[in-house]
Amino acid sequence: MSPDAFRSGTAITKGIMWMSVISFLKSTQVEFSVFVSGVFYVVQRLAAFLLALSVILLMFSQMFYIIYAQTEECLCNKDFPEANPFPHCDFKWSLLKVYTMLMGEIGNEMRYSTLPIAQFLYIAFAFLVVILLSNVLIAIVTDSYGVIKNERSAMVFWGNRLDFVAEMDAIKNVGKRIKACCGKGDSGAPGAPTNVQETPNGEPIPLEGLEEKGSGKFRAGWQSLMNLFDRNLYETYDVQPSSIEFWCYVLVRFGAFFFVIPLWLLVGLCTAGWLWPPQVREWMFQQKKAAISRADMAQEVTNQINQLKTEIMKLRIEMKGEMKSDRKEFAGLKTEVEAIQAEVMADLLQVKEIMVTLLDMSRDNLGTR
């Protein structure tokens, strides 16, 4: 094998290895999973754009190549091959130059000053490709990534987590098949305990849980280290800066922060996380709450609107009940006012009759005189 082939194969292998690392990280962090899936989704959405861009680049590279064919610039390249070659004298170099111009590497724009048609093509290329298509690319990427981030983040993460779990399950089944081929037989139903102790009451106790309590030592040790950095530590133990215990606690904190914790994390990293405390593994690999998608926000808004509608209906019913009771009160007051009015009118009639009677009596008395 030649050294060039070996280097090429090693480089490709390294690329595959780091792609595997990215695939693993997709199943551990929601944000990273959304980012990687967003990149792949954007690339898929860019298929039509990349096809159109390729056609446009081929078009301009061929036009520049045809314009400068058999011109003084290209003839000078043949006469002086050691000089800096003109980029559009060869088609592949013309295509490469057009691609670098797309990336923003314009170079010396005065090379197009000899031919007016070249200047026109240069201006058209700058407007169509550098300005227009670049902004279209930004718009497509922003819109496509927003779809993944806002609407399908949870679905993307759990899809990647499901793929990772299925892969680990397949690897585990391969190990079981190898054990079965070696004659060790089946260990029972999946998830069933293989080491059980019977209590005096006849109830079995799986011993796997007791064996797994070894990780409880790591949890307790890490918790003890974290308790050293408790804000209320000095108040709890009533330690003052003037006492020896205070400076002992400061020294222990210093050693834990600069020596014990970094060494523990480094050893855990060298063992692929096996010797990390459970709190660190839970912080790194336990599922965090996914970002709220547009569908969840819409559902929340819908629920709030329905709740407001329900409250408005209740308020409307209460207002109708109060209005009915007020109408009844008004009707009762009207009846009472009418009754009082009738009594007053009756009293006024009696007073009128009495006055008329008195007036008649006074007239009769005056007539008799």
Protein backbone atom coordinates (compact mmCIF):
# COMPACT_ATOMS: atom_id res chain seq x y z
CA MET A 1 0.00 0.00 0.00
CA SER A 2 1.35 3.40 -0.94
CA PRO A 3 1.74 6.13 1.69
CA ASP A 4 -0.79 8.33 -0.12
CA ALA A 5 -3.44 5.60 -0.03
CA PHE A 6 -2.68 4.91 3.64
CA ARG A 7 -3.01 8.58 4.55
CA SER A 8 -6.25 8.88 2.58
CA GLY A 9 -7.74 5.82 4.27
CA THR A 10 -6.67 7.06 7.71
CA ALA A 11 -8.21 10.48 7.08
CA ILE A 12 -11.49 8.91 5.95
CA THR A 13 -11.49 6.62 9.01
CA LYS A 14 -10.97 9.60 11.30
CA GLY A 15 -13.90 11.34 9.66
CA ILE A 16 -16.13 8.28 10.20
CA MET A 17 -15.01 8.08 13.84
CA TRP A 18 -15.92 11.67 14.59
CA MET A 19 -19.22 11.29 12.76
CA SER A 20 -19.94 8.38 15.12
CA VAL A 21 -19.19 10.66 18.06
CA ILE A 22 -21.67 13.20 16.69
CA SER A 23 -24.25 10.43 16.24
CA PHE A 24 -23.80 9.42 19.89
CA LEU A 25 -24.08 12.98 21.18
CA LYS A 26 -27.36 13.38 19.29
CA SER A 27 -29.00 10.96 21.73
CA THR A 28 -27.73 12.70 24.88
CA GLN A 29 -28.52 16.41 24.52
CA VAL A 30 -31.69 17.97 23.12
CA GLU A 31 -29.97 21.13 21.88
CA PHE A 32 -27.20 19.21 20.10
CA SER A 33 -29.70 16.80 18.57
CA VAL A 34 -31.82 19.68 17.28
CA PHE A 35 -28.73 21.39 15.84
CA VAL A 36 -27.40 18.31 13.99
CA SER A 37 -30.83 17.30 12.73
CA GLY A 38 -31.40 20.89 11.65
CA VAL A 39 -28.19 20.79 9.61
CA PHE A 40 -29.25 17.56 7.83
CA TYR A 41 -32.76 18.93 7.28
CA VAL A 42 -31.36 22.14 5.81
CA VAL A 43 -29.09 20.17 3.47
CA GLN A 44 -32.10 18.16 2.26
CA ARG A 45 -34.09 21.34 1.68
CA LEU A 46 -31.17 22.83 -0.27
CA ALA A 47 -31.24 20.17 -3.01
CA ALA A 48 -33.10 22.37 -5.53
CA PHE A 49 -31.06 25.44 -4.56
CA LEU A 50 -27.74 23.57 -4.95
CA LEU A 51 -28.84 22.26 -8.35
CA ALA A 52 -29.72 25.76 -9.55
CA LEU A 53 -26.48 27.15 -8.09
CA SER A 54 -24.42 24.47 -9.86
CA VAL A 55 -26.05 25.27 -13.19
CA ILE A 56 -25.41 29.01 -12.70
CA LEU A 57 -21.75 28.43 -11.76
CA LEU A 58 -21.25 26.20 -14.81
CA MET A 59 -22.89 28.84 -16.98
CA PHE A 60 -20.63 31.69 -15.80
CA SER A 61 -17.48 29.55 -15.84
CA GLN A 62 -18.15 28.52 -19.45
CA MET A 63 -18.98 32.07 -20.49
CA PHE A 64 -15.77 33.43 -18.95
CA TYR A 65 -13.82 30.56 -20.52
CA ILE A 66 -15.28 31.23 -24.00
CA ILE A 67 -14.74 34.99 -23.75
CA TYR A 68 -11.04 34.69 -22.88
CA ALA A 69 -10.24 31.78 -25.21
CA GLN A 70 -7.43 32.70 -27.65
CA THR A 71 -6.99 36.14 -26.10
CA GLU A 72 -3.74 37.83 -25.11
CA GLU A 73 -4.17 36.85 -21.47
CA CYS A 74 -4.30 33.13 -22.31
CA LEU A 75 -1.56 33.36 -24.98
CA CYS A 76 0.75 34.96 -22.39
CA ASN A 77 0.14 31.98 -20.13
CA LYS A 78 1.36 29.65 -22.88
CA ASP A 79 4.43 31.79 -23.58
CA PHE A 80 5.27 32.29 -19.88
CA PRO A 81 3.98 29.21 -17.98
CA GLU A 82 5.87 30.18 -14.81
CA ALA A 83 3.96 33.46 -14.49
CA ASN A 84 0.74 33.80 -12.51
CA PRO A 85 -1.83 32.08 -14.78
CA PHE A 86 -5.02 33.77 -15.84
CA PRO A 87 -7.88 31.80 -14.16
CA HIS A 88 -10.25 31.61 -17.15
CA CYS A 89 -7.89 30.08 -19.72
CA ASP A 90 -8.74 26.54 -18.58
CA PHE A 91 -12.27 25.35 -17.89
CA LYS A 92 -11.55 23.62 -14.58
CA TRP A 93 -9.62 26.64 -13.30
CA SER A 94 -12.42 28.91 -14.52
CA LEU A 95 -14.96 26.83 -12.60
CA LEU A 96 -12.79 26.92 -9.48
CA LYS A 97 -12.37 30.69 -9.76
CA VAL A 98 -16.11 31.23 -10.15
CA TYR A 99 -16.68 29.07 -7.05
CA THR A 100 -14.16 31.07 -5.01
CA MET A 101 -15.81 34.28 -6.23
CA LEU A 102 -19.06 32.88 -4.83
CA MET A 103 -17.33 32.49 -1.45
CA GLY A 104 -16.27 36.15 -1.57
CA GLU A 105 -12.72 35.80 -2.89
CA ILE A 106 -13.06 38.25 -5.76
CA GLY A 107 -9.36 39.01 -6.10
CA ASN A 108 -8.19 41.67 -8.55
CA GLU A 109 -11.32 42.83 -10.32
CA MET A 110 -9.23 44.82 -12.81
CA ARG A 111 -8.53 41.60 -14.74
CA TYR A 112 -11.93 42.05 -16.41
CA SER A 113 -11.19 45.62 -17.55
CA THR A 114 -9.83 44.57 -20.96
CA LEU A 115 -13.17 43.31 -22.36
CA PRO A 116 -16.54 45.10 -21.94
CA ILE A 117 -18.49 41.82 -22.13
CA ALA A 118 -16.31 40.46 -19.31
CA GLN A 119 -17.11 43.49 -17.19
CA PHE A 120 -20.82 42.98 -17.84
CA LEU A 121 -20.60 39.29 -16.87
CA TYR A 122 -18.66 40.20 -13.74
CA ILE A 123 -21.35 42.71 -12.67
CA ALA A 124 -24.13 40.21 -13.48
CA PHE A 125 -22.34 37.50 -11.50
CA ALA A 126 -21.83 39.80 -8.51
CA PHE A 127 -25.51 40.78 -8.46
CA LEU A 128 -27.08 37.40 -9.26
CA VAL A 129 -24.83 35.03 -7.31
CA VAL A 130 -22.98 36.99 -4.63
CA ILE A 131 -25.90 39.23 -3.60
CA LEU A 132 -29.16 37.56 -4.63
CA LEU A 133 -28.43 33.85 -4.21
CA SER A 134 -26.49 34.40 -0.98
CA ASN A 135 -29.51 36.08 0.62
CA VAL A 136 -31.80 33.35 -0.72
CA LEU A 137 -29.50 30.78 0.88
CA ILE A 138 -29.63 32.59 4.22
CA ALA A 139 -33.44 32.76 4.05
CA ILE A 140 -33.77 29.03 3.25
CA VAL A 141 -31.38 28.02 6.03
CA THR A 142 -33.10 30.25 8.60
CA ASP A 143 -36.59 29.02 7.70
CA SER A 144 -35.61 25.34 7.57
CA TYR A 145 -33.68 25.44 10.85
CA GLY A 146 -36.58 27.25 12.51
CA VAL A 147 -38.90 24.38 11.55
CA ILE A 148 -36.69 21.86 13.35
CA LYS A 149 -36.03 24.07 16.38
CA ASN A 150 -39.55 25.35 17.02
CA GLU A 151 -41.86 22.60 15.79
CA ARG A 152 -40.08 19.24 15.82
CA SER A 153 -37.36 19.52 18.48
CA ALA A 154 -38.83 16.92 20.86
CA MET A 155 -39.67 14.54 18.02
CA VAL A 156 -36.15 14.82 16.59
CA PHE A 157 -34.50 14.18 19.96
CA TRP A 158 -36.63 11.17 20.87
CA GLY A 159 -36.19 9.76 17.36
CA ASN A 160 -32.42 9.90 17.82
CA ARG A 161 -32.74 8.45 21.32
CA LEU A 162 -34.85 5.59 19.93
CA ASP A 163 -32.23 4.84 17.27
CA PHE A 164 -29.51 4.79 19.93
CA VAL A 165 -31.53 2.46 22.19
CA ALA A 166 -32.26 0.13 19.27
CA GLU A 167 -28.55 0.05 18.39
CA MET A 168 -27.55 -0.74 21.99
CA ASP A 169 -30.23 -3.44 22.17
CA ALA A 170 -28.93 -5.01 18.96
CA ILE A 171 -25.37 -5.03 20.36
CA LYS A 172 -26.66 -6.61 23.57
CA ASN A 173 -28.52 -9.30 21.61
CA VAL A 174 -25.31 -10.13 19.76
CA GLY A 175 -23.64 -10.74 23.12
CA LYS A 176 -26.50 -12.97 24.24
CA ARG A 177 -26.25 -15.01 21.04
CA ILE A 178 -22.51 -15.45 21.57
CA LYS A 179 -23.15 -16.66 25.13
CA ALA A 180 -25.85 -19.02 23.86
CA CYS A 181 -23.42 -20.44 21.26
CA CYS A 182 -20.85 -20.98 24.00
CA GLY A 183 -23.35 -23.14 25.90
CA LYS A 184 -24.20 -20.78 28.73
CA GLY A 185 -27.88 -20.91 27.84
CA ASP A 186 -30.60 -18.38 28.36
CA SER A 187 -30.52 -16.32 31.52
CA GLY A 188 -34.33 -15.97 31.67
CA ALA A 189 -36.79 -13.31 30.72
CA PRO A 190 -35.46 -9.86 29.93
CA GLY A 191 -35.24 -7.73 33.05
CA ALA A 192 -35.88 -10.66 35.43
CA PRO A 193 -33.52 -10.90 38.44
CA THR A 194 -31.00 -13.72 38.29
CA ASN A 195 -29.81 -13.55 41.90
CA VAL A 196 -32.65 -13.75 44.46
CA GLN A 197 -32.67 -14.22 48.23
CA GLU A 198 -35.76 -15.50 50.05
CA THR A 199 -36.87 -13.82 53.28
CA PRO A 200 -38.46 -15.66 56.27
CA ASN A 201 -41.86 -14.48 55.03
CA GLY A 202 -41.32 -16.22 51.72
CA GLU A 203 -40.95 -13.00 49.69
CA PRO A 204 -37.97 -12.96 47.30
CA ILE A 205 -35.54 -10.05 47.30
CA PRO A 206 -33.47 -9.42 44.14
CA LEU A 207 -29.83 -8.97 45.03
CA GLU A 208 -28.98 -6.97 41.92
CA GLY A 209 -30.40 -3.86 43.55
CA LEU A 210 -28.22 -4.46 46.60
CA GLU A 211 -25.16 -4.88 44.44
CA GLU A 212 -25.98 -1.68 42.60
CA LYS A 213 -25.91 0.16 45.89
CA GLY A 214 -22.16 0.33 45.43
CA SER A 215 -22.83 3.42 43.35
CA GLY A 216 -24.45 4.87 46.45
CA LYS A 217 -20.98 5.32 47.91
CA PHE A 218 -20.06 7.50 44.96
CA ARG A 219 -23.30 9.46 45.37
CA ALA A 220 -22.70 9.95 49.11
CA GLY A 221 -19.08 10.95 48.52
CA TRP A 222 -20.01 13.52 45.90
CA GLN A 223 -22.77 14.85 48.13
CA SER A 224 -20.26 15.23 50.96
CA LEU A 225 -17.99 17.23 48.67
CA MET A 226 -20.87 19.44 47.60
CA ASN A 227 -21.84 19.99 51.24
CA LEU A 228 -18.44 21.58 51.79
CA PHE A 229 -19.55 24.44 49.52
CA ASP A 230 -22.88 25.00 51.26
CA ARG A 231 -23.51 28.68 51.96
CA ASN A 232 -24.91 27.92 55.39
CA LEU A 233 -22.03 25.69 56.42
CA TYR A 234 -20.46 28.17 58.81
CA GLU A 235 -23.81 29.08 60.33
CA THR A 236 -24.73 25.42 60.81
CA TYR A 237 -21.56 24.58 62.73
CA ASP A 238 -21.22 28.05 64.29
CA VAL A 239 -17.71 28.61 62.94
CA GLN A 240 -16.10 32.04 63.12
CA PRO A 241 -13.09 33.33 61.13
CA SER A 242 -11.16 33.68 64.38
CA SER A 243 -11.34 29.93 65.10
CA ILE A 244 -9.09 27.14 63.85
CA GLU A 245 -12.08 25.18 62.51
CA PHE A 246 -12.84 27.97 60.04
CA TRP A 247 -9.42 27.80 58.43
CA CYS A 248 -9.55 24.01 58.44
CA TYR A 249 -12.80 24.19 56.46
CA VAL A 250 -11.20 26.69 54.07
CA LEU A 251 -8.24 24.37 53.55
CA VAL A 252 -10.51 21.38 52.94
CA ARG A 253 -12.57 23.40 50.46
CA PHE A 254 -9.43 24.43 48.63
CA GLY A 255 -8.20 20.85 48.37
CA ALA A 256 -11.60 19.56 47.25
CA PHE A 257 -12.05 22.25 44.60
CA PHE A 258 -8.56 22.17 43.08
CA PHE A 259 -7.51 18.54 43.60
CA VAL A 260 -10.22 16.03 44.56
CA ILE A 261 -13.02 17.08 42.21
CA PRO A 262 -10.84 17.59 39.08
CA LEU A 263 -9.01 14.29 39.72
CA TRP A 264 -12.31 12.44 40.18
CA LEU A 265 -13.77 13.89 36.97
CA LEU A 266 -10.56 13.10 35.07
CA VAL A 267 -10.55 9.47 36.26
CA GLY A 268 -14.22 9.16 35.31
CA LEU A 269 -13.48 10.58 31.87
CA CYS A 270 -10.67 8.04 31.34
CA THR A 271 -13.10 5.21 32.26
CA ALA A 272 -15.85 6.49 29.90
CA GLY A 273 -17.93 7.73 32.84
CA TRP A 274 -17.98 4.52 34.89
CA LEU A 275 -16.23 6.12 37.88
CA TRP A 276 -18.13 9.38 37.73
CA PRO A 277 -20.55 10.04 40.61
CA PRO A 278 -24.21 9.39 39.72
CA GLN A 279 -24.99 13.10 40.05
CA VAL A 280 -22.56 13.95 37.24
CA ARG A 281 -23.92 11.21 34.96
CA GLU A 282 -27.48 12.34 35.63
CA TRP A 283 -26.54 15.96 34.88
CA MET A 284 -24.87 15.01 31.60
CA PHE A 285 -27.10 12.26 30.25
CA GLN A 286 -30.49 12.67 31.90
CA GLN A 287 -33.17 14.13 29.70
CA LYS A 288 -33.73 17.84 30.11
CA LYS A 289 -36.99 19.53 29.35
CA ALA A 290 -37.31 20.06 25.62
CA ALA A 291 -37.87 23.47 24.17
CA ILE A 292 -41.49 24.47 23.76
CA SER A 293 -42.55 23.97 20.18
CA ARG A 294 -44.99 26.08 18.24
CA ALA A 295 -47.58 23.33 18.51
CA ASP A 296 -47.24 23.31 22.32
CA MET A 297 -47.47 27.10 22.41
CA ALA A 298 -50.56 26.99 20.20
CA GLN A 299 -52.10 24.32 22.43
CA GLU A 300 -51.34 26.40 25.52
CA VAL A 301 -52.90 29.48 23.92
CA THR A 302 -55.94 27.40 22.94
CA ASN A 303 -56.28 26.14 26.51
CA GLN A 304 -56.06 29.68 27.86
CA ILE A 305 -58.68 30.85 25.36
CA ASN A 306 -60.99 27.98 26.35
CA GLN A 307 -60.45 28.82 30.01
CA LEU A 308 -61.31 32.45 29.34
CA LYS A 309 -64.43 31.37 27.43
CA THR A 310 -65.49 29.22 30.37
CA GLU A 311 -64.95 32.08 32.81
CA ILE A 312 -66.87 34.46 30.53
CA MET A 313 -69.77 31.99 30.35
CA LYS A 314 -69.79 31.69 34.14
CA LEU A 315 -69.70 35.47 34.47
CA ARG A 316 -72.52 35.80 31.95
CA ILE A 317 -74.64 33.29 33.87
CA GLU A 318 -73.93 35.12 37.14
CA MET A 319 -74.85 38.44 35.55
CA LYS A 320 -78.09 36.97 34.20
CA GLY A 321 -78.95 35.63 37.66
CA GLU A 322 -78.18 39.00 39.26
CA MET A 323 -80.24 40.78 36.61
CA LYS A 324 -83.19 38.44 37.29
CA SER A 325 -82.93 39.05 41.03
CA ASP A 326 -82.66 42.81 40.43
CA ARG A 327 -85.74 42.68 38.20
CA LYS A 328 -87.63 40.86 40.95
CA GLU A 329 -86.53 43.49 43.46
CA PHE A 330 -87.53 46.27 41.10
CA ALA A 331 -90.92 44.60 40.57
CA GLY A 332 -91.39 44.33 44.34
CA LEU A 333 -90.40 47.96 44.83
CA LYS A 334 -92.79 48.98 42.05
CA THR A 335 -95.60 47.07 43.71
CA GLU A 336 -94.84 48.70 47.06
CA VAL A 337 -94.68 52.16 45.48
CA GLU A 338 -98.00 51.56 43.74
CA ALA A 339 -99.56 50.40 47.01
CA ILE A 340 -98.23 53.45 48.86
CA GLN A 341 -99.43 55.65 46.01
CA ALA A 342 -102.91 54.10 46.23
CA GLU A 343 -103.00 54.65 50.01
CA VAL A 344 -101.89 58.27 49.60
CA MET A 345 -104.56 58.84 46.95
CA ALA A 346 -107.17 57.28 49.21
CA ASP A 347 -106.09 59.51 52.10
CA LEU A 348 -106.19 62.55 49.82
CA LEU A 349 -109.73 61.66 48.74
CA GLN A 350 -110.79 61.37 52.35
CA VAL A 351 -109.19 64.71 53.13
CA LYS A 352 -111.01 66.20 50.14
CA GLU A 353 -114.32 64.81 51.27
CA ILE A 354 -113.75 66.15 54.78
CA MET A 355 -112.89 69.61 53.41
CA VAL A 356 -115.97 69.60 51.20
CA THR A 357 -118.13 68.61 54.16
CA LEU A 358 -116.65 71.33 56.34
CA LEU A 359 -117.16 73.89 53.57
CA ASP A 360 -120.81 72.90 53.21
CA MET A 361 -121.33 73.10 56.95
CA SER A 362 -119.78 76.56 57.07
CA ARG A 363 -122.07 77.72 54.27
CA ASP A 364 -125.11 76.34 56.04
CA ASN A 365 -124.18 78.18 59.20
CA LEU A 366 -123.73 81.46 57.37
CA GLY A 367 -127.11 80.98 55.62
CA THR A 368 -128.99 80.49 58.84
CA ARG A 369 -127.66 83.77 60.21
